[in-house]
């Protein structure tokens, strides 16, 4: 049960942070010109 709860929490924390946030940050770190290339590399 500890393992199952840990798996569910792992997914929840991923969906709160490392899942979507890098896409926000990549889009905001680059100006209009290099942004498409940066998003493609990411």
ModelCIF file with pLDDT and N, C-alpha, C, O atoms, coordinates in Angstrom:
data_MODEL
#
_entry.id   MODEL 
#
_entity.id                         1 
_entity.type                       polymer 
_entity.pdbx_number_of_molecules   1 
#
_entity_poly.entity_id                      1 
_entity_poly.type                           'polypeptide(L)' 
_entity_poly.nstd_linkage                   no 
_entity_poly.nstd_monomer                   no 
_entity_poly.pdbx_seq_one_letter_code       
;(UNK)(UNK)(UNK)(UNK)(UNK)(UNK)(UNK)(UNK)(UNK)(UNK)(UNK)(UNK)(UNK)(UNK)(UNK)(UNK)
(UNK)(UNK)(UNK)(UNK)(UNK)(UNK)(UNK)(UNK)(UNK)(UNK)(UNK)(UNK)(UNK)(UNK)(UNK)(UNK)
(UNK)(UNK)(UNK)(UNK)(UNK)(UNK)(UNK)(UNK)(UNK)(UNK)
;
_entity_poly.pdbx_seq_one_letter_code_can   XXXXXXXXXXXXXXXXXXXXXXXXXXXXXXXXXXXXXXXXXX 
_entity_poly.pdbx_strand_id                 A 
#
loop_
_entity_poly_seq.entity_id 
_entity_poly_seq.num 
_entity_poly_seq.mon_id 
_entity_poly_seq.hetero 
1 1  UNK n 
1 2  UNK n 
1 3  UNK n 
1 4  UNK n 
1 5  UNK n 
1 6  UNK n 
1 7  UNK n 
1 8  UNK n 
1 9  UNK n 
1 10 UNK n 
1 11 UNK n 
1 12 UNK n 
1 13 UNK n 
1 14 UNK n 
1 15 UNK n 
1 16 UNK n 
1 17 UNK n 
1 18 UNK n 
1 19 UNK n 
1 20 UNK n 
1 21 UNK n 
1 22 UNK n 
1 23 UNK n 
1 24 UNK n 
1 25 UNK n 
1 26 UNK n 
1 27 UNK n 
1 28 UNK n 
1 29 UNK n 
1 30 UNK n 
1 31 UNK n 
1 32 UNK n 
1 33 UNK n 
1 34 UNK n 
1 35 UNK n 
1 36 UNK n 
1 37 UNK n 
1 38 UNK n 
1 39 UNK n 
1 40 UNK n 
1 41 UNK n 
1 42 UNK n 
#
_struct_asym.id          A 
_struct_asym.entity_id   1 
#
loop_
_ma_qa_metric.id 
_ma_qa_metric.mode 
_ma_qa_metric.name 
_ma_qa_metric.software_group_id 
_ma_qa_metric.type 
1 global pLDDT . pLDDT 
2 local  pLDDT . pLDDT 
#
_ma_qa_metric_global.metric_id      1 
_ma_qa_metric_global.metric_value   89.79 
_ma_qa_metric_global.model_id       1 
_ma_qa_metric_global.ordinal_id     1 
#
loop_
_ma_qa_metric_local.label_asym_id 
_ma_qa_metric_local.label_comp_id 
_ma_qa_metric_local.label_seq_id 
_ma_qa_metric_local.metric_id 
_ma_qa_metric_local.metric_value 
_ma_qa_metric_local.model_id 
_ma_qa_metric_local.ordinal_id 
A UNK 1  2 95.00 1 1  
A UNK 2  2 95.00 1 2  
A UNK 3  2 94.00 1 3  
A UNK 4  2 95.00 1 4  
A UNK 5  2 96.00 1 5  
A UNK 6  2 96.00 1 6  
A UNK 7  2 96.00 1 7  
A UNK 8  2 97.00 1 8  
A UNK 9  2 97.00 1 9  
A UNK 10 2 96.00 1 10 
A UNK 11 2 95.00 1 11 
A UNK 12 2 95.00 1 12 
A UNK 13 2 95.00 1 13 
A UNK 14 2 94.00 1 14 
A UNK 15 2 91.00 1 15 
A UNK 16 2 89.00 1 16 
A UNK 17 2 88.00 1 17 
A UNK 18 2 91.00 1 18 
A UNK 19 2 88.00 1 19 
A UNK 20 2 87.00 1 20 
A UNK 21 2 85.00 1 21 
A UNK 22 2 85.00 1 22 
A UNK 23 2 85.00 1 23 
A UNK 24 2 81.00 1 24 
A UNK 25 2 82.00 1 25 
A UNK 26 2 85.00 1 26 
A UNK 27 2 83.00 1 27 
A UNK 28 2 81.00 1 28 
A UNK 29 2 81.00 1 29 
A UNK 30 2 81.00 1 30 
A UNK 31 2 80.00 1 31 
A UNK 32 2 84.00 1 32 
A UNK 33 2 87.00 1 33 
A UNK 34 2 88.00 1 34 
A UNK 35 2 88.00 1 35 
A UNK 36 2 91.00 1 36 
A UNK 37 2 92.00 1 37 
A UNK 38 2 91.00 1 38 
A UNK 39 2 92.00 1 39 
A UNK 40 2 94.00 1 40 
A UNK 41 2 94.00 1 41 
A UNK 42 2 91.00 1 42 
#
loop_
_atom_site.group_PDB 
_atom_site.id 
_atom_site.type_symbol 
_atom_site.label_atom_id 
_atom_site.label_alt_id 
_atom_site.label_comp_id 
_atom_site.label_asym_id 
_atom_site.label_entity_id 
_atom_site.label_seq_id 
_atom_site.pdbx_PDB_ins_code 
_atom_site.Cartn_x 
_atom_site.Cartn_y 
_atom_site.Cartn_z 
_atom_site.occupancy 
_atom_site.B_iso_or_equiv 
_atom_site.pdbx_formal_charge 
_atom_site.auth_seq_id 
_atom_site.auth_comp_id 
_atom_site.auth_asym_id 
_atom_site.auth_atom_id 
_atom_site.pdbx_PDB_model_num 
ATOM 1   N N  . UNK A 1 1  ? 0.824  -1.204 0.000   1.00 95.00 ? 1  UNK A N  1 
ATOM 2   C CA . UNK A 1 1  ? 0.000  0.000  0.000   1.00 95.00 ? 1  UNK A CA 1 
ATOM 3   C C  . UNK A 1 1  ? 0.863  1.262  0.000   1.00 95.00 ? 1  UNK A C  1 
ATOM 4   O O  . UNK A 1 1  ? 0.525  2.259  -0.638  1.00 95.00 ? 1  UNK A O  1 
ATOM 5   N N  . UNK A 1 2  ? 1.969  1.205  0.716   1.00 95.00 ? 2  UNK A N  1 
ATOM 6   C CA . UNK A 1 2  ? 2.907  2.335  0.702   1.00 95.00 ? 2  UNK A CA 1 
ATOM 7   C C  . UNK A 1 2  ? 3.422  2.553  -0.719  1.00 95.00 ? 2  UNK A C  1 
ATOM 8   O O  . UNK A 1 2  ? 3.507  3.688  -1.189  1.00 95.00 ? 2  UNK A O  1 
ATOM 9   N N  . UNK A 1 3  ? 3.760  1.469  -1.388  1.00 94.00 ? 3  UNK A N  1 
ATOM 10  C CA . UNK A 1 3  ? 4.249  1.576  -2.768  1.00 94.00 ? 3  UNK A CA 1 
ATOM 11  C C  . UNK A 1 3  ? 3.185  2.133  -3.704  1.00 94.00 ? 3  UNK A C  1 
ATOM 12  O O  . UNK A 1 3  ? 3.477  2.964  -4.563  1.00 94.00 ? 3  UNK A O  1 
ATOM 13  N N  . UNK A 1 4  ? 1.949  1.670  -3.533  1.00 95.00 ? 4  UNK A N  1 
ATOM 14  C CA . UNK A 1 4  ? 0.869  2.173  -4.402  1.00 95.00 ? 4  UNK A CA 1 
ATOM 15  C C  . UNK A 1 4  ? 0.623  3.656  -4.169  1.00 95.00 ? 4  UNK A C  1 
ATOM 16  O O  . UNK A 1 4  ? 0.478  4.415  -5.127  1.00 95.00 ? 4  UNK A O  1 
ATOM 17  N N  . UNK A 1 5  ? 0.576  4.073  -2.925  1.00 96.00 ? 5  UNK A N  1 
ATOM 18  C CA . UNK A 1 5  ? 0.369  5.493  -2.614  1.00 96.00 ? 5  UNK A CA 1 
ATOM 19  C C  . UNK A 1 5  ? 1.529  6.313  -3.169  1.00 96.00 ? 5  UNK A C  1 
ATOM 20  O O  . UNK A 1 5  ? 1.321  7.402  -3.704  1.00 96.00 ? 5  UNK A O  1 
ATOM 21  N N  . UNK A 1 6  ? 2.748  5.795  -3.042  1.00 96.00 ? 6  UNK A N  1 
ATOM 22  C CA . UNK A 1 6  ? 3.916  6.496  -3.565  1.00 96.00 ? 6  UNK A CA 1 
ATOM 23  C C  . UNK A 1 6  ? 3.844  6.641  -5.081  1.00 96.00 ? 6  UNK A C  1 
ATOM 24  O O  . UNK A 1 6  ? 4.240  7.673  -5.623  1.00 96.00 ? 6  UNK A O  1 
ATOM 25  N N  . UNK A 1 7  ? 3.351  5.635  -5.758  1.00 96.00 ? 7  UNK A N  1 
ATOM 26  C CA . UNK A 1 7  ? 3.204  5.719  -7.219  1.00 96.00 ? 7  UNK A CA 1 
ATOM 27  C C  . UNK A 1 7  ? 2.187  6.795  -7.591  1.00 96.00 ? 7  UNK A C  1 
ATOM 28  O O  . UNK A 1 7  ? 2.430  7.606  -8.485  1.00 96.00 ? 7  UNK A O  1 
ATOM 29  N N  . UNK A 1 8  ? 1.051  6.797  -6.903  1.00 97.00 ? 8  UNK A N  1 
ATOM 30  C CA . UNK A 1 8  ? 0.030  7.816  -7.178  1.00 97.00 ? 8  UNK A CA 1 
ATOM 31  C C  . UNK A 1 8  ? 0.565  9.216  -6.880  1.00 97.00 ? 8  UNK A C  1 
ATOM 32  O O  . UNK A 1 8  ? 0.329  10.145 -7.653  1.00 97.00 ? 8  UNK A O  1 
ATOM 33  N N  . UNK A 1 9  ? 1.277  9.374  -5.777  1.00 97.00 ? 9  UNK A N  1 
ATOM 34  C CA . UNK A 1 9  ? 1.848  10.683 -5.445  1.00 97.00 ? 9  UNK A CA 1 
ATOM 35  C C  . UNK A 1 9  ? 2.910  11.105 -6.453  1.00 97.00 ? 9  UNK A C  1 
ATOM 36  O O  . UNK A 1 9  ? 3.019  12.283 -6.793  1.00 97.00 ? 9  UNK A O  1 
ATOM 37  N N  . UNK A 1 10 ? 3.690  10.142 -6.927  1.00 96.00 ? 10 UNK A N  1 
ATOM 38  C CA . UNK A 1 10 ? 4.702  10.441 -7.940  1.00 96.00 ? 10 UNK A CA 1 
ATOM 39  C C  . UNK A 1 10 ? 4.037  11.049 -9.175  1.00 96.00 ? 10 UNK A C  1 
ATOM 40  O O  . UNK A 1 10 ? 4.492  12.064 -9.702  1.00 96.00 ? 10 UNK A O  1 
ATOM 41  N N  . UNK A 1 11 ? 2.967  10.422 -9.622  1.00 95.00 ? 11 UNK A N  1 
ATOM 42  C CA . UNK A 1 11 ? 2.253  10.916 -10.810 1.00 95.00 ? 11 UNK A CA 1 
ATOM 43  C C  . UNK A 1 11 ? 1.632  12.283 -10.541 1.00 95.00 ? 11 UNK A C  1 
ATOM 44  O O  . UNK A 1 11 ? 1.697  13.171 -11.391 1.00 95.00 ? 11 UNK A O  1 
ATOM 45  N N  . UNK A 1 12 ? 1.034  12.456 -9.370  1.00 95.00 ? 12 UNK A N  1 
ATOM 46  C CA . UNK A 1 12 ? 0.421  13.745 -9.024  1.00 95.00 ? 12 UNK A CA 1 
ATOM 47  C C  . UNK A 1 12 ? 1.469  14.851 -9.010  1.00 95.00 ? 12 UNK A C  1 
ATOM 48  O O  . UNK A 1 12 ? 1.253  15.918 -9.584  1.00 95.00 ? 12 UNK A O  1 
ATOM 49  N N  . UNK A 1 13 ? 2.600  14.604 -8.359  1.00 95.00 ? 13 UNK A N  1 
ATOM 50  C CA . UNK A 1 13 ? 3.651  15.623 -8.312  1.00 95.00 ? 13 UNK A CA 1 
ATOM 51  C C  . UNK A 1 13 ? 4.222  15.897 -9.695  1.00 95.00 ? 13 UNK A C  1 
ATOM 52  O O  . UNK A 1 13 ? 4.586  17.033 -9.999  1.00 95.00 ? 13 UNK A O  1 
ATOM 53  N N  . UNK A 1 14 ? 4.306  14.872 -10.534 1.00 94.00 ? 14 UNK A N  1 
ATOM 54  C CA . UNK A 1 14 ? 4.758  15.093 -11.909 1.00 94.00 ? 14 UNK A CA 1 
ATOM 55  C C  . UNK A 1 14 ? 3.790  16.012 -12.647 1.00 94.00 ? 14 UNK A C  1 
ATOM 56  O O  . UNK A 1 14 ? 4.209  16.929 -13.353 1.00 94.00 ? 14 UNK A O  1 
ATOM 57  N N  . UNK A 1 15 ? 2.504  15.762 -12.481 1.00 91.00 ? 15 UNK A N  1 
ATOM 58  C CA . UNK A 1 15 ? 1.491  16.562 -13.179 1.00 91.00 ? 15 UNK A CA 1 
ATOM 59  C C  . UNK A 1 15 ? 1.395  17.987 -12.654 1.00 91.00 ? 15 UNK A C  1 
ATOM 60  O O  . UNK A 1 15 ? 0.906  18.872 -13.357 1.00 91.00 ? 15 UNK A O  1 
ATOM 61  N N  . UNK A 1 16 ? 1.852  18.221 -11.433 1.00 89.00 ? 16 UNK A N  1 
ATOM 62  C CA . UNK A 1 16 ? 1.838  19.572 -10.875 1.00 89.00 ? 16 UNK A CA 1 
ATOM 63  C C  . UNK A 1 16 ? 3.080  20.351 -11.288 1.00 89.00 ? 16 UNK A C  1 
ATOM 64  O O  . UNK A 1 16 ? 3.000  21.557 -11.520 1.00 89.00 ? 16 UNK A O  1 
ATOM 65  N N  . UNK A 1 17 ? 4.215  19.688 -11.383 1.00 88.00 ? 17 UNK A N  1 
ATOM 66  C CA . UNK A 1 17 ? 5.457  20.399 -11.631 1.00 88.00 ? 17 UNK A CA 1 
ATOM 67  C C  . UNK A 1 17 ? 6.159  20.049 -12.913 1.00 88.00 ? 17 UNK A C  1 
ATOM 68  O O  . UNK A 1 17 ? 5.975  20.730 -13.921 1.00 88.00 ? 17 UNK A O  1 
ATOM 69  N N  . UNK A 1 18 ? 6.969  18.993 -12.904 1.00 91.00 ? 18 UNK A N  1 
ATOM 70  C CA . UNK A 1 18 ? 7.816  18.695 -14.057 1.00 91.00 ? 18 UNK A CA 1 
ATOM 71  C C  . UNK A 1 18 ? 7.082  18.306 -15.339 1.00 91.00 ? 18 UNK A C  1 
ATOM 72  O O  . UNK A 1 18 ? 7.695  18.294 -16.406 1.00 91.00 ? 18 UNK A O  1 
ATOM 73  N N  . UNK A 1 19 ? 5.804  17.991 -15.268 1.00 88.00 ? 19 UNK A N  1 
ATOM 74  C CA . UNK A 1 19 ? 5.047  17.693 -16.489 1.00 88.00 ? 19 UNK A CA 1 
ATOM 75  C C  . UNK A 1 19 ? 4.810  18.939 -17.325 1.00 88.00 ? 19 UNK A C  1 
ATOM 76  O O  . UNK A 1 19 ? 5.305  19.021 -18.449 1.00 88.00 ? 19 UNK A O  1 
ATOM 77  N N  . UNK A 1 20 ? 4.063  19.915 -16.807 1.00 87.00 ? 20 UNK A N  1 
ATOM 78  C CA . UNK A 1 20 ? 3.721  21.088 -17.604 1.00 87.00 ? 20 UNK A CA 1 
ATOM 79  C C  . UNK A 1 20 ? 4.676  22.277 -17.494 1.00 87.00 ? 20 UNK A C  1 
ATOM 80  O O  . UNK A 1 20 ? 4.810  23.036 -18.454 1.00 87.00 ? 20 UNK A O  1 
ATOM 81  N N  . UNK A 1 21 ? 5.333  22.458 -16.365 1.00 85.00 ? 21 UNK A N  1 
ATOM 82  C CA . UNK A 1 21 ? 6.098  23.677 -16.121 1.00 85.00 ? 21 UNK A CA 1 
ATOM 83  C C  . UNK A 1 21 ? 7.233  23.892 -17.124 1.00 85.00 ? 21 UNK A C  1 
ATOM 84  O O  . UNK A 1 21 ? 7.419  25.028 -17.561 1.00 85.00 ? 21 UNK A O  1 
ATOM 85  N N  . UNK A 1 22 ? 7.999  22.876 -17.513 1.00 85.00 ? 22 UNK A N  1 
ATOM 86  C CA . UNK A 1 22 ? 9.056  23.143 -18.495 1.00 85.00 ? 22 UNK A CA 1 
ATOM 87  C C  . UNK A 1 22 ? 8.538  23.762 -19.794 1.00 85.00 ? 22 UNK A C  1 
ATOM 88  O O  . UNK A 1 22 ? 9.246  24.543 -20.429 1.00 85.00 ? 22 UNK A O  1 
ATOM 89  N N  . UNK A 1 23 ? 7.324  23.425 -20.189 1.00 85.00 ? 23 UNK A N  1 
ATOM 90  C CA . UNK A 1 23 ? 6.786  24.008 -21.416 1.00 85.00 ? 23 UNK A CA 1 
ATOM 91  C C  . UNK A 1 23 ? 6.492  25.492 -21.225 1.00 85.00 ? 23 UNK A C  1 
ATOM 92  O O  . UNK A 1 23 ? 6.678  26.279 -22.153 1.00 85.00 ? 23 UNK A O  1 
ATOM 93  N N  . UNK A 1 24 ? 6.041  25.879 -20.055 1.00 81.00 ? 24 UNK A N  1 
ATOM 94  C CA . UNK A 1 24 ? 5.849  27.303 -19.756 1.00 81.00 ? 24 UNK A CA 1 
ATOM 95  C C  . UNK A 1 24 ? 7.191  28.019 -19.784 1.00 81.00 ? 24 UNK A C  1 
ATOM 96  O O  . UNK A 1 24 ? 7.339  29.068 -20.411 1.00 81.00 ? 24 UNK A O  1 
ATOM 97  N N  . UNK A 1 25 ? 8.167  27.437 -19.094 1.00 82.00 ? 25 UNK A N  1 
ATOM 98  C CA . UNK A 1 25 ? 9.462  28.095 -18.938 1.00 82.00 ? 25 UNK A CA 1 
ATOM 99  C C  . UNK A 1 25 ? 10.175 28.220 -20.283 1.00 82.00 ? 25 UNK A C  1 
ATOM 100 O O  . UNK A 1 25 ? 10.725 29.278 -20.585 1.00 82.00 ? 25 UNK A O  1 
ATOM 101 N N  . UNK A 1 26 ? 10.178 27.174 -21.087 1.00 85.00 ? 26 UNK A N  1 
ATOM 102 C CA . UNK A 1 26 ? 10.843 27.234 -22.393 1.00 85.00 ? 26 UNK A CA 1 
ATOM 103 C C  . UNK A 1 26 ? 10.208 28.319 -23.252 1.00 85.00 ? 26 UNK A C  1 
ATOM 104 O O  . UNK A 1 26 ? 10.917 29.068 -23.925 1.00 85.00 ? 26 UNK A O  1 
ATOM 105 N N  . UNK A 1 27 ? 8.892  28.412 -23.238 1.00 83.00 ? 27 UNK A N  1 
ATOM 106 C CA . UNK A 1 27 ? 8.213  29.431 -24.033 1.00 83.00 ? 27 UNK A CA 1 
ATOM 107 C C  . UNK A 1 27 ? 8.523  30.835 -23.537 1.00 83.00 ? 27 UNK A C  1 
ATOM 108 O O  . UNK A 1 27 ? 8.513  31.785 -24.321 1.00 83.00 ? 27 UNK A O  1 
ATOM 109 N N  . UNK A 1 28 ? 8.798  30.977 -22.246 1.00 81.00 ? 28 UNK A N  1 
ATOM 110 C CA . UNK A 1 28 ? 9.056  32.304 -21.695 1.00 81.00 ? 28 UNK A CA 1 
ATOM 111 C C  . UNK A 1 28 ? 10.532 32.691 -21.701 1.00 81.00 ? 28 UNK A C  1 
ATOM 112 O O  . UNK A 1 28 ? 10.849 33.875 -21.583 1.00 81.00 ? 28 UNK A O  1 
ATOM 113 N N  . UNK A 1 29 ? 11.432 31.737 -21.834 1.00 81.00 ? 29 UNK A N  1 
ATOM 114 C CA . UNK A 1 29 ? 12.861 32.049 -21.814 1.00 81.00 ? 29 UNK A CA 1 
ATOM 115 C C  . UNK A 1 29 ? 13.386 32.532 -23.161 1.00 81.00 ? 29 UNK A C  1 
ATOM 116 O O  . UNK A 1 29 ? 14.436 33.170 -23.225 1.00 81.00 ? 29 UNK A O  1 
ATOM 117 N N  . UNK A 1 30 ? 12.667 32.234 -24.228 1.00 81.00 ? 30 UNK A N  1 
ATOM 118 C CA . UNK A 1 30 ? 13.164 32.569 -25.551 1.00 81.00 ? 30 UNK A CA 1 
ATOM 119 C C  . UNK A 1 30 ? 12.253 33.584 -26.222 1.00 81.00 ? 30 UNK A C  1 
ATOM 120 O O  . UNK A 1 30 ? 11.031 33.547 -26.076 1.00 81.00 ? 30 UNK A O  1 
ATOM 121 N N  . UNK A 1 31 ? 12.877 34.488 -26.959 1.00 80.00 ? 31 UNK A N  1 
ATOM 122 C CA . UNK A 1 31 ? 12.100 35.486 -27.684 1.00 80.00 ? 31 UNK A CA 1 
ATOM 123 C C  . UNK A 1 31 ? 11.419 34.840 -28.890 1.00 80.00 ? 31 UNK A C  1 
ATOM 124 O O  . UNK A 1 31 ? 11.591 33.648 -29.147 1.00 80.00 ? 31 UNK A O  1 
ATOM 125 N N  . UNK A 1 32 ? 10.660 35.621 -29.612 1.00 84.00 ? 32 UNK A N  1 
ATOM 126 C CA . UNK A 1 32 ? 9.835  35.112 -30.699 1.00 84.00 ? 32 UNK A CA 1 
ATOM 127 C C  . UNK A 1 32 ? 10.635 34.380 -31.769 1.00 84.00 ? 32 UNK A C  1 
ATOM 128 O O  . UNK A 1 32 ? 10.169 33.370 -32.297 1.00 84.00 ? 32 UNK A O  1 
ATOM 129 N N  . UNK A 1 33 ? 11.818 34.863 -32.097 1.00 87.00 ? 33 UNK A N  1 
ATOM 130 C CA . UNK A 1 33 ? 12.617 34.247 -33.158 1.00 87.00 ? 33 UNK A CA 1 
ATOM 131 C C  . UNK A 1 33 ? 13.057 32.827 -32.862 1.00 87.00 ? 33 UNK A C  1 
ATOM 132 O O  . UNK A 1 33 ? 12.710 31.910 -33.607 1.00 87.00 ? 33 UNK A O  1 
ATOM 133 N N  . UNK A 1 34 ? 13.821 32.618 -31.780 1.00 88.00 ? 34 UNK A N  1 
ATOM 134 C CA . UNK A 1 34 ? 14.319 31.265 -31.495 1.00 88.00 ? 34 UNK A CA 1 
ATOM 135 C C  . UNK A 1 34 ? 13.334 30.364 -30.744 1.00 88.00 ? 34 UNK A C  1 
ATOM 136 O O  . UNK A 1 34 ? 13.630 29.191 -30.514 1.00 88.00 ? 34 UNK A O  1 
ATOM 137 N N  . UNK A 1 35 ? 12.179 30.889 -30.362 1.00 88.00 ? 35 UNK A N  1 
ATOM 138 C CA . UNK A 1 35 ? 11.243 30.094 -29.554 1.00 88.00 ? 35 UNK A CA 1 
ATOM 139 C C  . UNK A 1 35 ? 10.823 28.785 -30.222 1.00 88.00 ? 35 UNK A C  1 
ATOM 140 O O  . UNK A 1 35 ? 10.847 27.752 -29.554 1.00 88.00 ? 35 UNK A O  1 
ATOM 141 N N  . UNK A 1 36 ? 10.438 28.767 -31.504 1.00 91.00 ? 36 UNK A N  1 
ATOM 142 C CA . UNK A 1 36 ? 10.041 27.475 -32.107 1.00 91.00 ? 36 UNK A CA 1 
ATOM 143 C C  . UNK A 1 36 ? 11.163 26.438 -32.093 1.00 91.00 ? 36 UNK A C  1 
ATOM 144 O O  . UNK A 1 36 ? 10.914 25.258 -31.847 1.00 91.00 ? 36 UNK A O  1 
ATOM 145 N N  . UNK A 1 37 ? 12.386 26.869 -32.353 1.00 92.00 ? 37 UNK A N  1 
ATOM 146 C CA . UNK A 1 37 ? 13.512 25.928 -32.325 1.00 92.00 ? 37 UNK A CA 1 
ATOM 147 C C  . UNK A 1 37 ? 13.752 25.421 -30.906 1.00 92.00 ? 37 UNK A C  1 
ATOM 148 O O  . UNK A 1 37 ? 14.027 24.238 -30.707 1.00 92.00 ? 37 UNK A O  1 
ATOM 149 N N  . UNK A 1 38 ? 13.648 26.312 -29.920 1.00 91.00 ? 38 UNK A N  1 
ATOM 150 C CA . UNK A 1 38 ? 13.852 25.909 -28.521 1.00 91.00 ? 38 UNK A CA 1 
ATOM 151 C C  . UNK A 1 38 ? 12.787 24.910 -28.083 1.00 91.00 ? 38 UNK A C  1 
ATOM 152 O O  . UNK A 1 38 ? 13.093 23.934 -27.399 1.00 91.00 ? 38 UNK A O  1 
ATOM 153 N N  . UNK A 1 39 ? 11.548 25.150 -28.471 1.00 92.00 ? 39 UNK A N  1 
ATOM 154 C CA . UNK A 1 39 ? 10.469 24.226 -28.116 1.00 92.00 ? 39 UNK A CA 1 
ATOM 155 C C  . UNK A 1 39 ? 10.658 22.887 -28.826 1.00 92.00 ? 39 UNK A C  1 
ATOM 156 O O  . UNK A 1 39 ? 10.366 21.835 -28.256 1.00 92.00 ? 39 UNK A O  1 
ATOM 157 N N  . UNK A 1 40 ? 11.143 22.920 -30.064 1.00 94.00 ? 40 UNK A N  1 
ATOM 158 C CA . UNK A 1 40 ? 11.407 21.671 -30.788 1.00 94.00 ? 40 UNK A CA 1 
ATOM 159 C C  . UNK A 1 40 ? 12.525 20.874 -30.117 1.00 94.00 ? 40 UNK A C  1 
ATOM 160 O O  . UNK A 1 40 ? 12.415 19.655 -29.980 1.00 94.00 ? 40 UNK A O  1 
ATOM 161 N N  . UNK A 1 41 ? 13.589 21.541 -29.701 1.00 94.00 ? 41 UNK A N  1 
ATOM 162 C CA . UNK A 1 41 ? 14.684 20.862 -29.012 1.00 94.00 ? 41 UNK A CA 1 
ATOM 163 C C  . UNK A 1 41 ? 14.196 20.303 -27.674 1.00 94.00 ? 41 UNK A C  1 
ATOM 164 O O  . UNK A 1 41 ? 14.520 19.170 -27.319 1.00 94.00 ? 41 UNK A O  1 
ATOM 165 N N  . UNK A 1 42 ? 13.420 21.095 -26.935 1.00 91.00 ? 42 UNK A N  1 
ATOM 166 C CA . UNK A 1 42 ? 12.879 20.631 -25.651 1.00 91.00 ? 42 UNK A CA 1 
ATOM 167 C C  . UNK A 1 42 ? 11.964 19.423 -25.853 1.00 91.00 ? 42 UNK A C  1 
ATOM 168 O O  . UNK A 1 42 ? 11.417 18.894 -24.885 1.00 91.00 ? 42 UNK A O  1 
#
